Amino acid sequence: MLEKLANVPVPPVPEAKPFDAGMRRKLHPRLLAAHIVEFAFEAMPMALLCMIESMCAAIQFTITGSWPDRGNDSSR
């Protein structure tokens, strides 16, 4: 079967239509802007919050010698 497929000619990739090219020119910058906004206003604040929380816990451990209480964490 693979020998048959090896002899089948593959057509070339069709040219992009002007509509598709225009849509891509308009859509790609908007998608990029949406990703940047999402990263800046959603991902970065959450990452900074987690980092600050970890740094505060490390500082508290350095000063007191014990990790901060995490509330009603029953997993321990």
Protein backbone atom coordinates (compact mmCIF):
# COMPACT_ATOMS: atom_id res chain seq x y z
CA MET A 1 0.00 0.00 0.00
CA LEU A 2 2.82 2.40 0.81
CA GLU A 3 4.37 1.71 -2.59
CA LYS A 4 1.13 2.85 -4.25
CA LEU A 5 1.04 6.03 -2.19
CA ALA A 6 4.66 6.78 -3.05
CA ASN A 7 3.74 7.05 -6.73
CA VAL A 8 0.67 9.27 -6.28
CA PRO A 9 1.39 12.84 -7.40
CA VAL A 10 0.71 15.53 -4.82
CA PRO A 11 -0.82 18.74 -6.15
CA PRO A 12 0.93 22.01 -5.27
CA VAL A 13 -0.39 24.25 -2.52
CA PRO A 14 -3.01 26.60 -3.95
CA GLU A 15 -2.37 30.32 -3.97
CA ALA A 16 -3.92 32.34 -1.18
CA LYS A 17 -6.99 34.23 -2.20
CA PRO A 18 -6.92 38.01 -1.75
CA PHE A 19 -9.74 37.75 0.79
CA ASP A 20 -7.75 35.31 2.94
CA ALA A 21 -4.63 37.45 2.74
CA GLY A 22 -6.57 40.57 3.71
CA MET A 23 -8.26 38.79 6.56
CA ARG A 24 -4.91 37.55 7.85
CA ARG A 25 -3.43 41.05 7.67
CA LYS A 26 -6.31 42.39 9.76
CA LEU A 27 -6.71 39.46 12.13
CA HIS A 28 -3.13 38.69 13.15
CA PRO A 29 -2.37 42.09 14.75
CA ARG A 30 -5.65 41.94 16.65
CA LEU A 31 -4.91 38.45 17.92
CA LEU A 32 -1.43 39.52 18.95
CA ALA A 33 -2.85 42.53 20.79
CA ALA A 34 -5.41 40.34 22.55
CA HIS A 35 -2.70 37.92 23.66
CA ILE A 36 -0.50 40.74 24.96
CA VAL A 37 -3.39 42.30 26.89
CA GLU A 38 -4.37 38.94 28.35
CA PHE A 39 -0.79 38.25 29.38
CA ALA A 40 -0.28 41.70 30.88
CA PHE A 41 -3.55 41.90 32.81
CA GLU A 42 -4.22 38.27 33.73
CA ALA A 43 -1.11 36.12 33.72
CA MET A 44 1.47 38.58 35.04
CA PRO A 45 -0.55 39.76 38.06
CA MET A 46 -1.25 36.16 39.06
CA ALA A 47 2.42 35.23 38.68
CA LEU A 48 3.48 38.27 40.70
CA LEU A 49 0.94 37.46 43.40
CA CYS A 50 2.23 33.89 43.70
CA MET A 51 5.83 35.10 43.77
CA ILE A 52 5.11 37.73 46.44
CA GLU A 53 3.25 35.17 48.54
CA SER A 54 6.21 32.79 48.32
CA MET A 55 8.72 35.51 49.14
CA CYS A 56 6.69 36.61 52.17
CA ALA A 57 6.51 33.02 53.38
CA ALA A 58 10.27 32.63 52.95
CA ILE A 59 10.91 35.85 54.86
CA GLN A 60 8.57 34.74 57.64
CA PHE A 61 10.34 31.38 57.80
CA THR A 62 13.70 33.15 58.00
CA ILE A 63 12.55 35.36 60.85
CA THR A 64 10.38 32.96 62.89
CA GLY A 65 11.70 29.53 61.90
CA SER A 66 8.24 28.22 60.96
CA TRP A 67 6.17 28.32 57.81
CA PRO A 68 3.05 30.48 57.85
CA ASP A 69 -0.27 28.83 58.69
CA ARG A 70 -2.26 28.19 55.51
CA GLY A 71 -5.65 28.17 57.23
CA ASN A 72 -7.87 25.10 57.02
CA ASP A 73 -5.57 23.07 54.78
CA SER A 74 -6.56 19.47 55.52
CA SER A 75 -4.11 17.97 53.01
CA ARG A 76 -1.29 17.86 55.59
